[in-house]
Each structure stands twice: as C-alpha cells, then as structure tokens.
Amino acid sequence: MASFQNMLKSMKQTHLVLEMMMKSSLTILEMMMKTLMISKLNQVFLHDKFSEDGSTVGILAIINQEEKFI
C-alpha cells in the first residue's frame, strides 16, 4: 500500500513539473513574439519615417499601443 501511495505522490509531482514547464514555455513564446513584433516595428517605423515636425516617430509609444491589442 505504501508503494502505491508513493507512486501517486510521484505522479502528482511529475504533473506539477510538467505544468510548470508548460507555463515557462508559454512565457518564453510570448517574449519571443513581443521581440519579433518590436523588431518588425523598428524596421517599419525607424526607416526614414518622420512625423510632421521632422522628429522621428517614438517607438515606445507605438509599442505601448500595440500591447493593448495583445
């Protein structure tokens, strides 16, 4: 009976480890997607894109607007 309880405990621990790994993977994927988005925004908005007064477009303002949609 003790070995069965140990097996159940081990299965629960394995489940928790797998759940933590999945959450970690999703977090890493989210960071990679945001990095890609920032990279694409840099390509689009920092290549000779100027506002009416001649100053460069603020990339942080654009990123903040994009994060509202994520």
PDB file of N, CA and C in Angstrom:
ATOM      1  N   MET A   1       0.824  -1.197   0.000  1.00  0.00           N
ATOM      2  CA  MET A   1       0.000   0.000   0.000  1.00  0.00           C
ATOM      3  C   MET A   1       0.864   1.255   0.000  1.00  0.00           C
ATOM      4  N   ALA A   2       1.989   1.179   0.697  1.00  0.00           N
ATOM      5  CA  ALA A   2       2.875   2.348   0.759  1.00  0.00           C
ATOM      6  C   ALA A   2       3.470   2.647  -0.614  1.00  0.00           C
ATOM      7  N   SER A   3       3.767   1.601  -1.384  1.00  0.00           N
ATOM      8  CA  SER A   3       4.345   1.829  -2.713  1.00  0.00           C
ATOM      9  C   SER A   3       3.331   2.490  -3.651  1.00  0.00           C
ATOM     10  N   PHE A   4       2.043   2.144  -3.480  1.00  0.00           N
ATOM     11  CA  PHE A   4       1.001   2.769  -4.292  1.00  0.00           C
ATOM     12  C   PHE A   4       0.886   4.251  -3.965  1.00  0.00           C
ATOM     13  N   GLN A   5       0.945   4.591  -2.678  1.00  0.00           N
ATOM     14  CA  GLN A   5       0.883   5.996  -2.270  1.00  0.00           C
ATOM     15  C   GLN A   5       2.104   6.760  -2.778  1.00  0.00           C
ATOM     16  N   ASN A   6       3.263   6.125  -2.734  1.00  0.00           N
ATOM     17  CA  ASN A   6       4.472   6.762  -3.268  1.00  0.00           C
ATOM     18  C   ASN A   6       4.345   7.005  -4.772  1.00  0.00           C
ATOM     19  N   MET A   7       3.730   6.032  -5.465  1.00  0.00           N
ATOM     20  CA  MET A   7       3.541   6.181  -6.900  1.00  0.00           C
ATOM     21  C   MET A   7       2.603   7.352  -7.203  1.00  0.00           C
ATOM     22  N   LEU A   8       1.507   7.469  -6.436  1.00  0.00           N
ATOM     23  CA  LEU A   8       0.580   8.589  -6.629  1.00  0.00           C
ATOM     24  C   LEU A   8       1.264   9.924  -6.351  1.00  0.00           C
ATOM     25  N   LYS A   9       2.046   9.964  -5.287  1.00  0.00           N
ATOM     26  CA  LYS A   9       2.771  11.190  -4.943  1.00  0.00           C
ATOM     27  C   LYS A   9       3.742  11.562  -6.063  1.00  0.00           C
ATOM     28  N   SER A  10       4.422  10.570  -6.599  1.00  0.00           N
ATOM     29  CA  SER A  10       5.361  10.798  -7.699  1.00  0.00           C
ATOM     30  C   SER A  10       4.638  11.299  -8.944  1.00  0.00           C
ATOM     31  N   MET A  11       3.462  10.737  -9.227  1.00  0.00           N
ATOM     32  CA  MET A  11       2.683  11.174 -10.384  1.00  0.00           C
ATOM     33  C   MET A  11       2.228  12.617 -10.222  1.00  0.00           C
ATOM     34  N   LYS A  12       1.811  12.995  -9.022  1.00  0.00           N
ATOM     35  CA  LYS A  12       1.396  14.375  -8.763  1.00  0.00           C
ATOM     36  C   LYS A  12       2.569  15.326  -8.947  1.00  0.00           C
ATOM     37  N   GLN A  13       3.745  14.927  -8.456  1.00  0.00           N
ATOM     38  CA  GLN A  13       4.928  15.771  -8.609  1.00  0.00           C
ATOM     39  C   GLN A  13       5.303  15.915 -10.079  1.00  0.00           C
ATOM     40  N   THR A  14       5.208  14.823 -10.817  1.00  0.00           N
ATOM     41  CA  THR A  14       5.506  14.869 -12.251  1.00  0.00           C
ATOM     42  C   THR A  14       4.539  15.799 -12.964  1.00  0.00           C
ATOM     43  N   HIS A  15       3.268  15.722 -12.606  1.00  0.00           N
ATOM     44  CA  HIS A  15       2.253  16.593 -13.204  1.00  0.00           C
ATOM     45  C   HIS A  15       2.576  18.057 -12.921  1.00  0.00           C
ATOM     46  N   LEU A  16       2.962  18.368 -11.689  1.00  0.00           N
ATOM     47  CA  LEU A  16       3.293  19.750 -11.337  1.00  0.00           C
ATOM     48  C   LEU A  16       4.512  20.249 -12.110  1.00  0.00           C
ATOM     49  N   VAL A  17       5.509  19.396 -12.257  1.00  0.00           N
ATOM     50  CA  VAL A  17       6.708  19.780 -13.017  1.00  0.00           C
ATOM     51  C   VAL A  17       6.349  20.045 -14.476  1.00  0.00           C
ATOM     52  N   LEU A  18       5.536  19.175 -15.065  1.00  0.00           N
ATOM     53  CA  LEU A  18       5.124  19.366 -16.458  1.00  0.00           C
ATOM     54  C   LEU A  18       4.310  20.644 -16.622  1.00  0.00           C
ATOM     55  N   GLU A  19       3.444  20.933 -15.660  1.00  0.00           N
ATOM     56  CA  GLU A  19       2.650  22.162 -15.710  1.00  0.00           C
ATOM     57  C   GLU A  19       3.555  23.395 -15.636  1.00  0.00           C
ATOM     58  N   MET A  20       4.552  23.354 -14.758  1.00  0.00           N
ATOM     59  CA  MET A  20       5.490  24.472 -14.649  1.00  0.00           C
ATOM     60  C   MET A  20       6.283  24.640 -15.944  1.00  0.00           C
ATOM     61  N   MET A  21       6.684  23.540 -16.553  1.00  0.00           N
ATOM     62  CA  MET A  21       7.428  23.606 -17.815  1.00  0.00           C
ATOM     63  C   MET A  21       6.565  24.200 -18.926  1.00  0.00           C
ATOM     64  N   MET A  22       5.293  23.838 -18.948  1.00  0.00           N
ATOM     65  CA  MET A  22       4.393  24.361 -19.958  1.00  0.00           C
ATOM     66  C   MET A  22       4.216  25.871 -19.791  1.00  0.00           C
ATOM     67  N   LYS A  23       4.011  26.319 -18.552  1.00  0.00           N
ATOM     68  CA  LYS A  23       3.861  27.754 -18.299  1.00  0.00           C
ATOM     69  C   LYS A  23       5.130  28.503 -18.676  1.00  0.00           C
ATOM     70  N   SER A  24       6.267  27.923 -18.371  1.00  0.00           N
ATOM     71  CA  SER A  24       7.547  28.540 -18.727  1.00  0.00           C
ATOM     72  C   SER A  24       7.691  28.642 -20.240  1.00  0.00           C
ATOM     73  N   SER A  25       7.314  27.585 -20.937  1.00  0.00           N
ATOM     74  CA  SER A  25       7.400  27.593 -22.403  1.00  0.00           C
ATOM     75  C   SER A  25       6.485  28.651 -22.998  1.00  0.00           C
ATOM     76  N   LEU A  26       5.287  28.789 -22.452  1.00  0.00           N
ATOM     77  CA  LEU A  26       4.363  29.808 -22.953  1.00  0.00           C
ATOM     78  C   LEU A  26       4.894  31.212 -22.697  1.00  0.00           C
ATOM     79  N   THR A  27       5.518  31.420 -21.545  1.00  0.00           N
ATOM     80  CA  THR A  27       6.108  32.722 -21.232  1.00  0.00           C
ATOM     81  C   THR A  27       7.240  33.045 -22.195  1.00  0.00           C
ATOM     82  N   ILE A  28       8.081  32.054 -22.466  1.00  0.00           N
ATOM     83  CA  ILE A  28       9.186  32.253 -23.412  1.00  0.00           C
ATOM     84  C   ILE A  28       8.638  32.559 -24.803  1.00  0.00           C
ATOM     85  N   LEU A  29       7.606  31.841 -25.224  1.00  0.00           N
ATOM     86  CA  LEU A  29       6.994  32.083 -26.529  1.00  0.00           C
ATOM     87  C   LEU A  29       6.426  33.500 -26.611  1.00  0.00           C
ATOM     88  N   GLU A  30       5.769  33.940 -25.539  1.00  0.00           N
ATOM     89  CA  GLU A  30       5.217  35.296 -25.504  1.00  0.00           C
ATOM     90  C   GLU A  30       6.329  36.342 -25.636  1.00  0.00           C
ATOM     91  N   MET A  31       7.439  36.143 -24.928  1.00  0.00           N
ATOM     92  CA  MET A  31       8.556  37.085 -25.016  1.00  0.00           C
ATOM     93  C   MET A  31       9.152  37.090 -26.420  1.00  0.00           C
ATOM     94  N   MET A  32       9.245  35.919 -27.035  1.00  0.00           N
ATOM     95  CA  MET A  32       9.779  35.841 -28.398  1.00  0.00           C
ATOM     96  C   MET A  32       8.869  36.570 -29.384  1.00  0.00           C
ATOM     97  N   MET A  33       7.561  36.427 -29.218  1.00  0.00           N
ATOM     98  CA  MET A  33       6.617  37.102 -30.105  1.00  0.00           C
ATOM     99  C   MET A  33       6.708  38.614 -29.947  1.00  0.00           C
ATOM    100  N   LYS A  34       6.838  39.081 -28.701  1.00  0.00           N
ATOM    101  CA  LYS A  34       6.972  40.521 -28.471  1.00  0.00           C
ATOM    102  C   LYS A  34       8.280  41.042 -29.056  1.00  0.00           C
ATOM    103  N   THR A  35       9.343  40.259 -28.939  1.00  0.00           N
ATOM    104  CA  THR A  35      10.624  40.662 -29.518  1.00  0.00           C
ATOM    105  C   THR A  35      10.511  40.764 -31.033  1.00  0.00           C
ATOM    106  N   LEU A  36       9.854  39.794 -31.647  1.00  0.00           N
ATOM    107  CA  LEU A  36       9.651  39.826 -33.095  1.00  0.00           C
ATOM    108  C   LEU A  36       8.821  41.040 -33.494  1.00  0.00           C
ATOM    109  N   MET A  37       7.767  41.323 -32.726  1.00  0.00           N
ATOM    110  CA  MET A  37       6.919  42.475 -33.017  1.00  0.00           C
ATOM    111  C   MET A  37       7.731  43.768 -32.937  1.00  0.00           C
ATOM    112  N   ILE A  38       8.558  43.902 -31.900  1.00  0.00           N
ATOM    113  CA  ILE A  38       9.389  45.098 -31.753  1.00  0.00           C
ATOM    114  C   ILE A  38      10.358  45.208 -32.921  1.00  0.00           C
ATOM    115  N   SER A  39      10.933  44.088 -33.314  1.00  0.00           N
ATOM    116  CA  SER A  39      11.856  44.080 -34.449  1.00  0.00           C
ATOM    117  C   SER A  39      11.158  44.547 -35.727  1.00  0.00           C
ATOM    118  N   LYS A  40       9.960  44.041 -35.957  1.00  0.00           N
ATOM    119  CA  LYS A  40       9.208  44.447 -37.148  1.00  0.00           C
ATOM    120  C   LYS A  40       8.843  45.924 -37.080  1.00  0.00           C
ATOM    121  N   LEU A  41       8.450  46.411 -35.903  1.00  0.00           N
ATOM    122  CA  LEU A  41       8.122  47.828 -35.759  1.00  0.00           C
ATOM    123  C   LEU A  41       9.343  48.697 -36.010  1.00  0.00           C
ATOM    124  N   ASN A  42      10.495  48.255 -35.535  1.00  0.00           N
ATOM    125  CA  ASN A  42      11.720  49.008 -35.786  1.00  0.00           C
ATOM    126  C   ASN A  42      11.985  49.102 -37.281  1.00  0.00           C
ATOM    127  N   GLN A  43      11.793  48.007 -37.993  1.00  0.00           N
ATOM    128  CA  GLN A  43      12.022  48.012 -39.439  1.00  0.00           C
ATOM    129  C   GLN A  43      11.069  48.969 -40.142  1.00  0.00           C
ATOM    130  N   VAL A  44       9.817  48.983 -39.697  1.00  0.00           N
ATOM    131  CA  VAL A  44       8.803  49.795 -40.372  1.00  0.00           C
ATOM    132  C   VAL A  44       8.938  51.268 -40.016  1.00  0.00           C
ATOM    133  N   PHE A  45       9.092  51.565 -38.725  1.00  0.00           N
ATOM    134  CA  PHE A  45       8.981  52.945 -38.283  1.00  0.00           C
ATOM    135  C   PHE A  45      10.309  53.678 -38.136  1.00  0.00           C
ATOM    136  N   LEU A  46      11.414  52.983 -38.142  1.00  0.00           N
ATOM    137  CA  LEU A  46      12.682  53.677 -37.970  1.00  0.00           C
ATOM    138  C   LEU A  46      13.461  53.826 -39.273  1.00  0.00           C
ATOM    139  N   HIS A  47      12.868  53.432 -40.401  1.00  0.00           N
ATOM    140  CA  HIS A  47      13.493  53.647 -41.705  1.00  0.00           C
ATOM    141  C   HIS A  47      12.906  54.910 -42.332  1.00  0.00           C
ATOM    142  N   ASP A  48      13.547  56.018 -42.055  1.00  0.00           N
ATOM    143  CA  ASP A  48      13.175  57.301 -42.664  1.00  0.00           C
ATOM    144  C   ASP A  48      11.711  57.668 -42.458  1.00  0.00           C
ATOM    145  N   LYS A  49      11.141  57.286 -41.342  1.00  0.00           N
ATOM    146  CA  LYS A  49       9.778  57.690 -41.029  1.00  0.00           C
ATOM    147  C   LYS A  49       9.851  58.872 -40.071  1.00  0.00           C
ATOM    148  N   PHE A  50       9.260  59.975 -40.479  1.00  0.00           N
ATOM    149  CA  PHE A  50       9.307  61.180 -39.662  1.00  0.00           C
ATOM    150  C   PHE A  50       7.893  61.705 -39.455  1.00  0.00           C
ATOM    151  N   SER A  51       7.696  62.350 -38.324  1.00  0.00           N
ATOM    152  CA  SER A  51       6.419  63.000 -38.071  1.00  0.00           C
ATOM    153  C   SER A  51       6.422  64.362 -38.762  1.00  0.00           C
ATOM    154  N   GLU A  52       5.335  65.115 -38.660  1.00  0.00           N
ATOM    155  CA  GLU A  52       5.207  66.382 -39.382  1.00  0.00           C
ATOM    156  C   GLU A  52       6.254  67.409 -38.960  1.00  0.00           C
ATOM    157  N   ASP A  53       6.673  67.405 -37.697  1.00  0.00           N
ATOM    158  CA  ASP A  53       7.651  68.400 -37.249  1.00  0.00           C
ATOM    159  C   ASP A  53       9.088  67.951 -37.511  1.00  0.00           C
ATOM    160  N   GLY A  54       9.284  66.802 -38.170  1.00  0.00           N
ATOM    161  CA  GLY A  54      10.616  66.360 -38.546  1.00  0.00           C
ATOM    162  C   GLY A  54      11.302  65.462 -37.538  1.00  0.00           C
ATOM    163  N   SER A  55      10.685  65.204 -36.398  1.00  0.00           N
ATOM    164  CA  SER A  55      11.303  64.320 -35.402  1.00  0.00           C
ATOM    165  C   SER A  55      10.939  62.872 -35.708  1.00  0.00           C
ATOM    166  N   THR A  56      11.758  61.958 -35.241  1.00  0.00           N
ATOM    167  CA  THR A  56      11.484  60.540 -35.507  1.00  0.00           C
ATOM    168  C   THR A  56      10.289  60.070 -34.702  1.00  0.00           C
ATOM    169  N   VAL A  57       9.630  59.069 -35.206  1.00  0.00           N
ATOM    170  CA  VAL A  57       8.460  58.502 -34.533  1.00  0.00           C
ATOM    171  C   VAL A  57       8.918  57.795 -33.263  1.00  0.00           C
ATOM    172  N   GLY A  58       8.210  57.984 -32.169  1.00  0.00           N
ATOM    173  CA  GLY A  58       8.562  57.343 -30.901  1.00  0.00           C
ATOM    174  C   GLY A  58       8.168  55.880 -30.894  1.00  0.00           C
ATOM    175  N   ILE A  59       9.150  55.001 -30.906  1.00  0.00           N
ATOM    176  CA  ILE A  59       8.871  53.563 -30.974  1.00  0.00           C
ATOM    177  C   ILE A  59       8.198  53.064 -29.702  1.00  0.00           C
ATOM    178  N   LEU A  60       8.525  53.644 -28.552  1.00  0.00           N
ATOM    179  CA  LEU A  60       7.900  53.188 -27.308  1.00  0.00           C
ATOM    180  C   LEU A  60       6.412  53.491 -27.294  1.00  0.00           C
ATOM    181  N   ALA A  61       6.005  54.625 -27.825  1.00  0.00           N
ATOM    182  CA  ALA A  61       4.582  54.956 -27.893  1.00  0.00           C
ATOM    183  C   ALA A  61       3.852  53.958 -28.783  1.00  0.00           C
ATOM    184  N   ILE A  62       4.479  53.561 -29.869  1.00  0.00           N
ATOM    185  CA  ILE A  62       3.867  52.594 -30.783  1.00  0.00           C
ATOM    186  C   ILE A  62       3.752  51.229 -30.110  1.00  0.00           C
ATOM    187  N   ILE A  63       4.796  50.816 -29.403  1.00  0.00           N
ATOM    188  CA  ILE A  63       4.777  49.525 -28.712  1.00  0.00           C
ATOM    189  C   ILE A  63       3.682  49.510 -27.659  1.00  0.00           C
ATOM    190  N   ASN A  64       3.542  50.603 -26.903  1.00  0.00           N
ATOM    191  CA  ASN A  64       2.500  50.669 -25.880  1.00  0.00           C
ATOM    192  C   ASN A  64       1.118  50.530 -26.506  1.00  0.00           C
ATOM    193  N   GLN A  65       0.914  51.123 -27.673  1.00  0.00           N
ATOM    194  CA  GLN A  65      -0.371  50.983 -28.352  1.00  0.00           C
ATOM    195  C   GLN A  65      -0.592  49.543 -28.798  1.00  0.00           C
ATOM    196  N   GLU A  66       0.449  48.890 -29.309  1.00  0.00           N
ATOM    197  CA  GLU A  66       0.329  47.514 -29.782  1.00  0.00           C
ATOM    198  C   GLU A  66       0.048  46.550 -28.640  1.00  0.00           C
ATOM    199  N   GLU A  67       0.626  46.799 -27.456  1.00  0.00           N
ATOM    200  CA  GLU A  67       0.439  45.879 -26.331  1.00  0.00           C
ATOM    201  C   GLU A  67      -1.004  45.847 -25.856  1.00  0.00           C
ATOM    202  N   LYS A  68      -1.769  46.887 -26.132  1.00  0.00           N
ATOM    203  CA  LYS A  68      -3.178  46.907 -25.751  1.00  0.00           C
ATOM    204  C   LYS A  68      -3.968  45.847 -26.513  1.00  0.00           C
ATOM    205  N   PHE A  69      -3.475  45.475 -27.690  1.00  0.00           N
ATOM    206  CA  PHE A  69      -4.189  44.511 -28.527  1.00  0.00           C
ATOM    207  C   PHE A  69      -3.751  43.077 -28.284  1.00  0.00           C
ATOM    208  N   ILE A  70      -2.705  42.884 -27.504  1.00  0.00           N
ATOM    209  CA  ILE A  70      -2.189  41.531 -27.255  1.00  0.00           C
ATOM    210  C   ILE A  70      -2.940  40.886 -26.118  1.00  0.00           C
TER     211      ILE A  70
END
